[in-house]
Every structure is written in C-alpha cells, then in structure tokens.
N, C-alpha and C. Protein backbone atom coordinates (compact mmCIF):
# COMPACT_ATOMS: atom_id res chain seq x y z
N MET A 1 -0.43 -7.96 -20.00
CA MET A 1 -0.47 -8.38 -18.42
C MET A 1 0.95 -8.04 -18.14
N ILE A 2 0.79 -7.75 -16.95
CA ILE A 2 1.89 -7.58 -15.77
C ILE A 2 2.42 -8.72 -15.28
N ASP A 3 3.86 -8.25 -14.92
CA ASP A 3 4.78 -9.49 -14.29
C ASP A 3 5.09 -9.12 -13.12
N VAL A 4 4.32 -10.45 -12.19
CA VAL A 4 3.97 -10.27 -10.97
C VAL A 4 5.39 -10.31 -10.26
N ASN A 5 6.00 -11.60 -10.57
CA ASN A 5 7.32 -11.68 -10.20
C ASN A 5 8.35 -10.56 -10.38
N GLU A 6 8.37 -9.68 -11.46
CA GLU A 6 9.24 -8.17 -11.30
C GLU A 6 8.47 -7.23 -10.56
N LEU A 7 7.31 -7.31 -10.37
CA LEU A 7 6.84 -6.19 -9.46
C LEU A 7 7.14 -6.80 -7.88
N LYS A 8 6.77 -8.02 -7.49
CA LYS A 8 7.44 -8.43 -6.34
C LYS A 8 8.96 -8.18 -5.95
N LYS A 9 9.71 -8.12 -6.72
CA LYS A 9 11.24 -7.70 -6.49
C LYS A 9 10.94 -6.15 -6.23
N LYS A 10 10.48 -5.41 -7.10
CA LYS A 10 10.41 -4.03 -6.82
C LYS A 10 10.10 -3.42 -5.50
N MET A 11 9.32 -4.54 -4.84
CA MET A 11 8.77 -3.88 -3.54
C MET A 11 9.70 -4.70 -2.42
N HIS A 12 10.67 -5.20 -2.81
CA HIS A 12 11.38 -6.16 -2.01
C HIS A 12 11.96 -5.34 -0.94
N ASP A 13 12.54 -3.79 -1.24
CA ASP A 13 13.33 -3.31 -0.25
C ASP A 13 12.26 -2.45 0.82
N VAL A 14 11.28 -2.24 0.36
CA VAL A 14 9.95 -1.64 1.07
C VAL A 14 9.57 -2.62 2.11
N ILE A 15 9.14 -3.91 1.41
CA ILE A 15 8.76 -4.96 2.53
C ILE A 15 10.10 -5.00 3.90
N GLY A 16 11.38 -4.91 3.39
CA GLY A 16 12.46 -4.99 4.41
C GLY A 16 12.08 -3.76 5.45
N ALA A 17 11.89 -2.95 4.85
CA ALA A 17 11.81 -1.64 5.63
C ALA A 17 10.56 -1.93 6.82
N ILE A 18 9.48 -2.45 6.44
CA ILE A 18 8.30 -2.64 6.94
C ILE A 18 8.69 -3.90 8.22
N TYR A 19 9.52 -4.97 7.88
CA TYR A 19 9.92 -5.54 8.79
C TYR A 19 10.89 -5.19 9.80
N GLU A 20 11.37 -4.18 9.39
CA GLU A 20 12.56 -3.60 10.41
C GLU A 20 11.55 -2.70 11.34
N VAL A 21 10.93 -1.95 10.94
CA VAL A 21 10.04 -1.30 11.78
C VAL A 21 9.32 -2.10 12.63
N HIS A 22 8.72 -3.28 12.62
CA HIS A 22 7.91 -4.07 13.52
C HIS A 22 9.10 -4.99 14.29
N ASN A 23 10.21 -5.20 13.88
CA ASN A 23 10.98 -5.65 14.88
C ASN A 23 11.67 -4.73 15.96
N GLU A 24 11.52 -3.53 15.66
CA GLU A 24 11.98 -2.61 16.45
C GLU A 24 10.98 -2.03 17.37
N LEU A 25 9.94 -1.82 16.77
CA LEU A 25 8.94 -1.23 17.71
C LEU A 25 7.99 -2.60 18.65
N GLY A 26 7.92 -3.45 18.02
CA GLY A 26 7.20 -4.69 18.32
C GLY A 26 5.74 -4.21 17.96
N PRO A 27 4.80 -5.34 18.67
CA PRO A 27 3.24 -5.46 18.45
C PRO A 27 2.53 -4.52 19.40
N GLY A 28 1.44 -4.01 18.99
CA GLY A 28 0.57 -3.40 20.15
C GLY A 28 0.56 -1.70 20.18
N LEU A 29 1.30 -1.20 19.34
CA LEU A 29 1.26 0.38 19.39
C LEU A 29 0.03 0.99 18.25
N ASN A 30 -0.29 2.06 18.40
CA ASN A 30 -0.75 2.77 17.50
C ASN A 30 -0.47 2.90 16.03
N GLU A 31 -1.14 3.18 15.15
CA GLU A 31 -0.93 2.95 13.63
C GLU A 31 0.21 4.49 13.31
N SER A 32 -0.20 5.55 14.17
CA SER A 32 0.74 6.82 13.86
C SER A 32 2.08 6.33 14.17
N CYS A 33 2.48 5.54 15.62
CA CYS A 33 3.78 5.21 15.71
C CYS A 33 4.35 4.63 14.55
N TYR A 34 3.57 3.33 14.04
CA TYR A 34 4.27 2.63 13.08
C TYR A 34 4.52 3.61 11.82
N GLN A 35 3.89 4.35 11.49
CA GLN A 35 3.97 5.34 10.40
C GLN A 35 5.01 6.38 10.50
N GLU A 36 5.40 6.52 11.57
CA GLU A 36 6.69 7.52 11.99
C GLU A 36 7.77 6.89 11.91
N GLY A 37 7.59 5.54 12.28
CA GLY A 37 8.75 4.63 12.14
C GLY A 37 9.04 4.22 10.77
N LEU A 38 8.16 4.16 9.93
CA LEU A 38 8.04 3.54 8.74
C LEU A 38 9.04 4.89 7.85
N GLN A 39 8.35 5.81 8.17
CA GLN A 39 9.13 6.92 7.62
C GLN A 39 10.35 7.00 7.99
N MET A 40 10.78 6.97 8.98
CA MET A 40 12.34 6.96 9.40
C MET A 40 13.01 6.26 8.91
N GLU A 41 12.45 4.75 8.64
CA GLU A 41 13.41 3.75 8.29
C GLU A 41 13.59 3.63 6.52
N LEU A 42 12.51 4.45 5.75
CA LEU A 42 12.17 5.08 4.41
C LEU A 42 13.69 5.69 4.20
N ILE A 43 13.78 6.41 5.25
CA ILE A 43 14.85 7.77 4.99
C ILE A 43 15.94 7.29 5.31
N GLU A 44 16.03 6.23 6.30
CA GLU A 44 17.82 5.60 6.51
C GLU A 44 18.20 4.80 5.11
N ARG A 45 17.08 4.01 4.69
CA ARG A 45 17.24 3.23 3.26
C ARG A 45 17.44 4.20 2.00
N LYS A 46 17.21 5.27 2.29
CA LYS A 46 17.08 6.07 1.09
C LYS A 46 16.02 5.59 0.05
N ILE A 47 15.04 4.93 0.05
CA ILE A 47 14.00 4.82 -0.30
C ILE A 47 12.97 6.08 -0.39
N PRO A 48 12.95 6.65 -1.79
CA PRO A 48 11.96 7.56 -2.04
C PRO A 48 10.50 7.45 -1.68
N PHE A 49 9.91 8.43 -1.27
CA PHE A 49 8.51 8.34 -0.72
C PHE A 49 7.83 9.68 -0.38
N LYS A 50 6.45 9.69 -0.46
CA LYS A 50 5.78 10.70 -0.30
C LYS A 50 4.97 10.46 1.02
N ARG A 51 4.65 11.03 2.43
CA ARG A 51 3.79 10.65 3.44
C ARG A 51 2.54 11.17 2.99
N GLU A 52 1.26 10.57 3.59
CA GLU A 52 0.29 11.40 3.89
C GLU A 52 -0.15 11.97 2.43
N MET A 53 0.05 11.43 1.48
CA MET A 53 -0.37 12.06 0.17
C MET A 53 -1.95 12.06 0.03
N GLN A 54 -2.46 13.17 -0.37
CA GLN A 54 -3.61 13.55 -0.71
C GLN A 54 -4.40 13.24 -2.03
N ILE A 55 -5.46 12.67 -2.29
CA ILE A 55 -5.73 12.49 -3.63
C ILE A 55 -7.36 12.90 -3.80
N HIS A 56 -7.60 13.66 -4.73
CA HIS A 56 -8.94 14.36 -5.25
C HIS A 56 -9.34 13.27 -6.33
N PRO A 57 -10.22 12.51 -6.25
CA PRO A 57 -10.74 11.84 -7.55
C PRO A 57 -11.32 13.11 -8.37
N SER A 58 -11.73 12.57 -9.57
CA SER A 58 -12.00 13.33 -10.66
C SER A 58 -13.19 12.64 -11.13
N TYR A 59 -14.34 13.53 -11.75
CA TYR A 59 -15.57 12.96 -12.29
C TYR A 59 -15.53 13.90 -13.43
N HIS A 60 -15.81 13.25 -14.51
CA HIS A 60 -15.86 13.65 -15.83
C HIS A 60 -14.98 14.93 -16.00
N GLY A 61 -13.41 14.13 -15.57
CA GLY A 61 -12.41 14.99 -15.82
C GLY A 61 -12.22 16.10 -14.81
N ASN A 62 -13.16 16.44 -13.89
CA ASN A 62 -13.16 17.57 -13.14
C ASN A 62 -12.69 17.34 -11.70
N SER A 63 -11.87 17.86 -10.67
CA SER A 63 -11.52 17.20 -9.73
C SER A 63 -12.16 17.75 -8.60
N MET A 64 -12.90 16.41 -7.85
CA MET A 64 -13.59 16.72 -6.84
C MET A 64 -13.34 17.36 -5.62
N GLU A 65 -14.02 17.66 -4.64
CA GLU A 65 -13.46 18.38 -3.26
C GLU A 65 -13.06 17.25 -2.57
N ALA A 66 -13.54 15.78 -2.65
CA ALA A 66 -13.36 14.70 -1.63
C ALA A 66 -11.92 14.40 -1.63
N ILE A 67 -11.73 14.20 -0.53
CA ILE A 67 -10.07 14.00 -0.35
C ILE A 67 -9.86 12.66 0.20
N PHE A 68 -8.84 11.89 -0.15
CA PHE A 68 -8.51 10.70 0.28
C PHE A 68 -6.81 10.79 0.79
N SER A 69 -6.47 10.14 1.65
CA SER A 69 -5.00 10.42 2.04
C SER A 69 -4.62 8.93 2.37
N LEU A 70 -3.70 8.85 1.22
CA LEU A 70 -2.96 7.57 1.61
C LEU A 70 -1.44 7.69 2.35
N ASP A 71 -1.14 6.63 3.20
CA ASP A 71 0.15 6.75 4.07
C ASP A 71 0.99 6.95 3.32
N PHE A 72 1.55 6.28 2.31
CA PHE A 72 2.83 6.18 1.76
C PHE A 72 2.69 5.77 0.50
N LEU A 73 3.30 6.76 -0.43
CA LEU A 73 3.90 6.51 -1.77
C LEU A 73 5.30 6.29 -2.07
N CYS A 74 5.86 5.00 -2.08
CA CYS A 74 7.07 4.83 -2.24
C CYS A 74 7.63 4.48 -3.78
N LYS A 75 8.62 5.28 -4.15
CA LYS A 75 9.37 4.86 -5.23
C LYS A 75 8.57 5.28 -6.64
N ASP A 76 7.41 6.19 -6.28
CA ASP A 76 6.53 6.55 -7.30
C ASP A 76 5.52 5.64 -7.76
N ASP A 77 5.41 4.40 -7.19
CA ASP A 77 4.56 3.29 -7.79
C ASP A 77 4.22 2.11 -6.97
N ILE A 78 4.39 2.54 -5.43
CA ILE A 78 4.12 1.54 -4.52
C ILE A 78 3.26 2.24 -3.40
N ILE A 79 2.01 1.92 -3.39
CA ILE A 79 1.40 2.29 -2.19
C ILE A 79 1.36 1.48 -1.07
N VAL A 80 1.56 2.16 0.07
CA VAL A 80 1.79 1.08 1.59
C VAL A 80 0.58 1.91 2.08
N GLU A 81 -0.01 1.21 2.67
CA GLU A 81 -1.60 1.35 3.54
C GLU A 81 -0.88 0.74 4.87
N CYS A 82 -0.95 1.50 6.09
CA CYS A 82 -0.52 0.88 7.24
C CYS A 82 -1.82 0.67 8.23
N LYS A 83 -1.73 -0.29 9.00
CA LYS A 83 -2.68 -0.37 9.97
C LYS A 83 -2.44 -0.98 11.06
N ALA A 84 -3.06 -0.83 12.17
CA ALA A 84 -2.60 -1.41 13.76
C ALA A 84 -4.08 -2.07 14.45
N VAL A 85 -4.57 -3.19 13.44
CA VAL A 85 -5.71 -3.52 13.79
C VAL A 85 -5.92 -5.21 14.43
N PRO A 86 -7.04 -5.77 15.07
CA PRO A 86 -6.78 -7.14 15.43
C PRO A 86 -6.56 -8.07 14.04
N GLU A 87 -7.18 -7.51 12.68
CA GLU A 87 -6.71 -8.25 11.47
C GLU A 87 -7.46 -7.67 10.51
N LEU A 88 -6.70 -7.53 9.36
CA LEU A 88 -7.12 -7.14 8.45
C LEU A 88 -8.41 -7.61 7.33
N ILE A 89 -9.39 -6.65 7.13
CA ILE A 89 -10.47 -7.08 6.56
C ILE A 89 -10.83 -6.41 5.16
N LYS A 90 -11.91 -6.70 4.79
CA LYS A 90 -12.47 -6.33 3.39
C LYS A 90 -12.32 -4.80 3.12
N VAL A 91 -12.70 -4.11 4.38
CA VAL A 91 -12.53 -2.49 3.65
C VAL A 91 -11.36 -1.87 3.87
N HIS A 92 -10.39 -2.39 4.37
CA HIS A 92 -9.02 -2.15 4.33
C HIS A 92 -8.61 -2.58 2.87
N ARG A 93 -8.96 -3.77 2.31
CA ARG A 93 -8.23 -4.01 1.20
C ARG A 93 -8.89 -2.95 0.17
N ALA A 94 -10.34 -2.94 0.04
CA ALA A 94 -11.21 -1.85 -0.75
C ALA A 94 -10.24 -0.41 -0.71
N GLN A 95 -9.86 -0.09 0.36
CA GLN A 95 -9.23 1.26 0.72
C GLN A 95 -8.00 1.03 -0.34
N LEU A 96 -7.19 0.10 -0.15
CA LEU A 96 -5.86 -0.01 -0.81
C LEU A 96 -6.15 -0.15 -2.67
N PHE A 97 -7.15 -0.93 -2.72
CA PHE A 97 -7.69 -1.14 -4.11
C PHE A 97 -8.05 0.25 -4.84
N ASN A 98 -8.97 0.93 -4.18
CA ASN A 98 -8.99 2.09 -4.80
C ASN A 98 -8.01 2.93 -4.76
N TYR A 99 -7.37 3.26 -3.72
CA TYR A 99 -6.07 4.14 -4.12
C TYR A 99 -5.40 3.66 -5.18
N MET A 100 -5.02 2.39 -5.59
CA MET A 100 -4.13 1.87 -6.57
C MET A 100 -4.98 2.36 -7.80
N ARG A 101 -6.05 2.33 -8.01
CA ARG A 101 -6.98 2.47 -9.10
C ARG A 101 -6.84 4.10 -9.27
N LEU A 102 -7.33 4.72 -8.65
CA LEU A 102 -7.27 6.29 -8.64
C LEU A 102 -6.03 6.78 -8.95
N LEU A 103 -5.06 6.18 -8.65
CA LEU A 103 -3.60 6.91 -8.91
C LEU A 103 -3.10 5.91 -9.83
N GLN A 104 -3.33 5.15 -10.73
CA GLN A 104 -3.25 4.08 -11.84
C GLN A 104 -1.89 3.78 -11.08
N LYS A 105 -1.51 2.96 -10.01
CA LYS A 105 -0.09 2.78 -9.37
C LYS A 105 -0.21 1.27 -9.28
N GLN A 106 0.82 0.63 -9.75
CA GLN A 106 0.48 -1.03 -10.00
C GLN A 106 1.10 -1.65 -8.76
N CYS A 107 1.59 -1.07 -7.61
CA CYS A 107 1.78 -2.02 -6.46
C CYS A 107 1.20 -1.29 -5.41
N GLY A 108 0.74 -2.27 -4.36
CA GLY A 108 0.10 -2.16 -3.07
C GLY A 108 0.56 -2.94 -1.88
N ILE A 109 0.94 -2.31 -0.96
CA ILE A 109 1.09 -3.01 0.37
C ILE A 109 -0.02 -2.57 1.50
N LEU A 110 -0.52 -3.78 2.04
CA LEU A 110 -1.64 -3.74 3.08
C LEU A 110 -0.76 -4.29 4.19
N VAL A 111 -0.62 -3.61 5.34
CA VAL A 111 0.39 -4.01 6.27
C VAL A 111 -0.32 -3.76 7.78
N ASN A 112 -0.42 -4.80 8.67
CA ASN A 112 -0.67 -4.77 9.83
C ASN A 112 0.27 -4.87 10.94
N PHE A 113 0.61 -3.88 11.51
CA PHE A 113 1.60 -3.63 12.74
C PHE A 113 1.05 -4.36 13.92
N LEU A 114 -0.07 -4.49 14.12
CA LEU A 114 -0.54 -5.04 15.58
C LEU A 114 -0.11 -6.45 15.89
N PRO A 115 -0.29 -7.47 15.33
CA PRO A 115 -0.17 -8.29 15.63
C PRO A 115 1.28 -8.77 15.89
N PRO A 116 1.62 -10.14 16.94
CA PRO A 116 3.08 -10.11 17.30
C PRO A 116 3.84 -10.66 16.01
N THR A 117 3.26 -11.40 15.15
CA THR A 117 3.82 -11.42 13.80
C THR A 117 3.45 -10.39 12.51
N ILE A 118 4.44 -9.95 11.84
CA ILE A 118 3.68 -8.90 11.10
C ILE A 118 2.95 -9.51 9.81
N ASP A 119 2.02 -8.80 9.56
CA ASP A 119 0.87 -9.34 8.72
C ASP A 119 1.12 -8.41 7.41
N TYR A 120 1.29 -8.87 6.25
CA TYR A 120 1.38 -7.99 5.35
C TYR A 120 0.42 -8.69 3.93
N GLU A 121 0.02 -8.04 3.07
CA GLU A 121 -0.40 -8.73 2.06
C GLU A 121 0.17 -7.67 0.46
N ARG A 122 0.44 -8.28 -0.56
CA ARG A 122 0.76 -7.53 -1.67
C ARG A 122 -0.47 -7.86 -2.74
N TYR A 123 -0.33 -6.51 -3.41
CA TYR A 123 -1.13 -6.60 -4.43
C TYR A 123 -0.82 -5.68 -5.84
N PHE A 124 -1.12 -6.18 -7.03
CA PHE A 124 -1.20 -5.47 -8.08
C PHE A 124 -1.88 -4.77 -9.07
N TYR A 125 -1.90 -4.04 -9.55
CA TYR A 125 -2.79 -3.35 -10.39
C TYR A 125 -2.76 -3.27 -11.99
N ASP A 126 -3.42 -3.93 -12.82
CA ASP A 126 -3.20 -3.97 -13.94
C ASP A 126 -4.13 -2.78 -14.76
N LYS A 127 -3.72 -1.96 -15.32
CA LYS A 127 -4.01 -0.85 -15.75
C LYS A 127 -5.04 -1.11 -16.82
N GLU A 128 -4.38 -1.84 -17.86
CA GLU A 128 -5.19 -2.30 -18.92
C GLU A 128 -6.42 -3.11 -18.75
N THR A 129 -6.56 -4.14 -17.77
CA THR A 129 -7.62 -4.79 -17.57
C THR A 129 -8.51 -4.56 -16.41
N LYS A 130 -7.82 -3.50 -15.74
CA LYS A 130 -8.67 -2.82 -14.19
C LYS A 130 -8.95 -3.99 -13.65
N GLN A 131 -7.72 -4.80 -13.37
CA GLN A 131 -7.84 -5.92 -12.38
C GLN A 131 -6.68 -5.58 -11.20
N ILE A 132 -6.98 -6.12 -10.01
CA ILE A 132 -6.51 -6.37 -8.79
C ILE A 132 -5.86 -7.79 -8.93
N ILE A 133 -4.49 -8.07 -8.91
CA ILE A 133 -4.12 -9.05 -8.96
C ILE A 133 -3.36 -9.70 -7.78
N GLY A 134 -3.53 -10.84 -7.19
CA GLY A 134 -2.70 -11.21 -5.82
C GLY A 134 -1.32 -11.82 -6.03
N VAL A 135 -0.37 -12.00 -5.41
CA VAL A 135 0.92 -12.44 -5.46
C VAL A 135 0.83 -13.79 -6.14
N ASP A 136 -0.24 -14.61 -6.13
CA ASP A 136 -0.32 -15.75 -6.75
C ASP A 136 -0.87 -15.96 -8.20
N GLY A 137 -0.96 -14.41 -8.83
CA GLY A 137 -1.16 -14.08 -9.96
C GLY A 137 -2.64 -14.34 -10.34
N GLN A 138 -3.76 -14.73 -9.37
CA GLN A 138 -4.94 -14.74 -9.60
C GLN A 138 -5.63 -13.29 -9.55
N ILE A 139 -6.68 -13.23 -10.09
CA ILE A 139 -7.61 -12.18 -9.95
C ILE A 139 -8.45 -11.77 -8.72
N VAL A 140 -7.99 -10.59 -7.90
CA VAL A 140 -8.70 -10.66 -6.65
C VAL A 140 -9.85 -9.58 -6.76
N TYR A 141 -9.88 -8.56 -7.58
CA TYR A 141 -10.62 -7.72 -7.76
C TYR A 141 -10.93 -7.07 -9.31
N TYR A 142 -11.79 -6.74 -9.98
CA TYR A 142 -11.49 -6.13 -11.11
C TYR A 142 -13.15 -5.07 -11.03
N TYR A 143 -12.30 -3.98 -11.62
CA TYR A 143 -13.45 -2.76 -11.92
C TYR A 143 -14.00 -2.65 -13.26
N ARG A 144 -15.12 -2.72 -13.35
CA ARG A 144 -16.38 -2.76 -14.56
C ARG A 144 -15.84 -1.32 -15.03
N ARG A 145 -15.80 -0.86 -16.32
CA ARG A 145 -15.87 0.11 -17.14
C ARG A 145 -15.25 0.07 -18.53
C-alpha cells in the first residue's frame, strides 16, 4: 500500500511552482502560456523535469505507433497535466490516470489555470493494486487485469 502523506510531501514544491505561475500570470490565458511559465518556474526552483514527454504504449510487449504527450514529468515520478478550461471534467482525469498507469508513476497533478483561483487535483497510483487513489486515501479508479 502506498503512503499518501509521504507522496503529498514529495509534490509540495511542484505545487508551489504551480501557484507561483498562476499568481504571476493570473487567470484567463491559454494553456501554452501556463506551460511555458511552469517550465521557467521549475528551472528557477531547480526542480528536475521533462516537458512534452512522448509515450508509446505497448501491446504484447511491442511498442505501438500511437503517441501520447504528457505536459511535464517532474522529479522522475510526478506527472503534471496542465489545462486552461472552464472546469476539470472526467476526460481530463482519465488522461492523467492513463499517463500514470502507462508510465507506472505514483504521483499525478491535474491543474486548471483558467479560473481566478487555481484549481488542482492530486492523485496517486498504486502499482501493485492498479488503483488510482485520491488525497483522502480513497480509491478513485482501478484498472482490471
């Protein structure tokens, strides 16, 4: 079983960077502006990351041509998916959950920069049980297999 509190601590500085970007740029810009701002902030804070990382899922051990592109992978284990939309919906969460599962990464942050007050959600992937867990420790989603 994963330790949600420990993983929340691991994400703390990345969340701080997200807040700084929203405070500096304010609401209402497009997603690419926030992504560029977050990249600059992560560099300033010396938080290691990869941007626009491409994923090729595999089928029976063979890499597929299909490509997914996640916004950020921070500290080798925190996926950050940025949005600038009126509200976060199921499809945005599903996108993050799939990235977490495909890359076997424990931490995911879904952030919406559009609203006047920053809106973000944190999730955790338990590799053993194949469950997505919320910050309250409750199962949000699970993958059968």
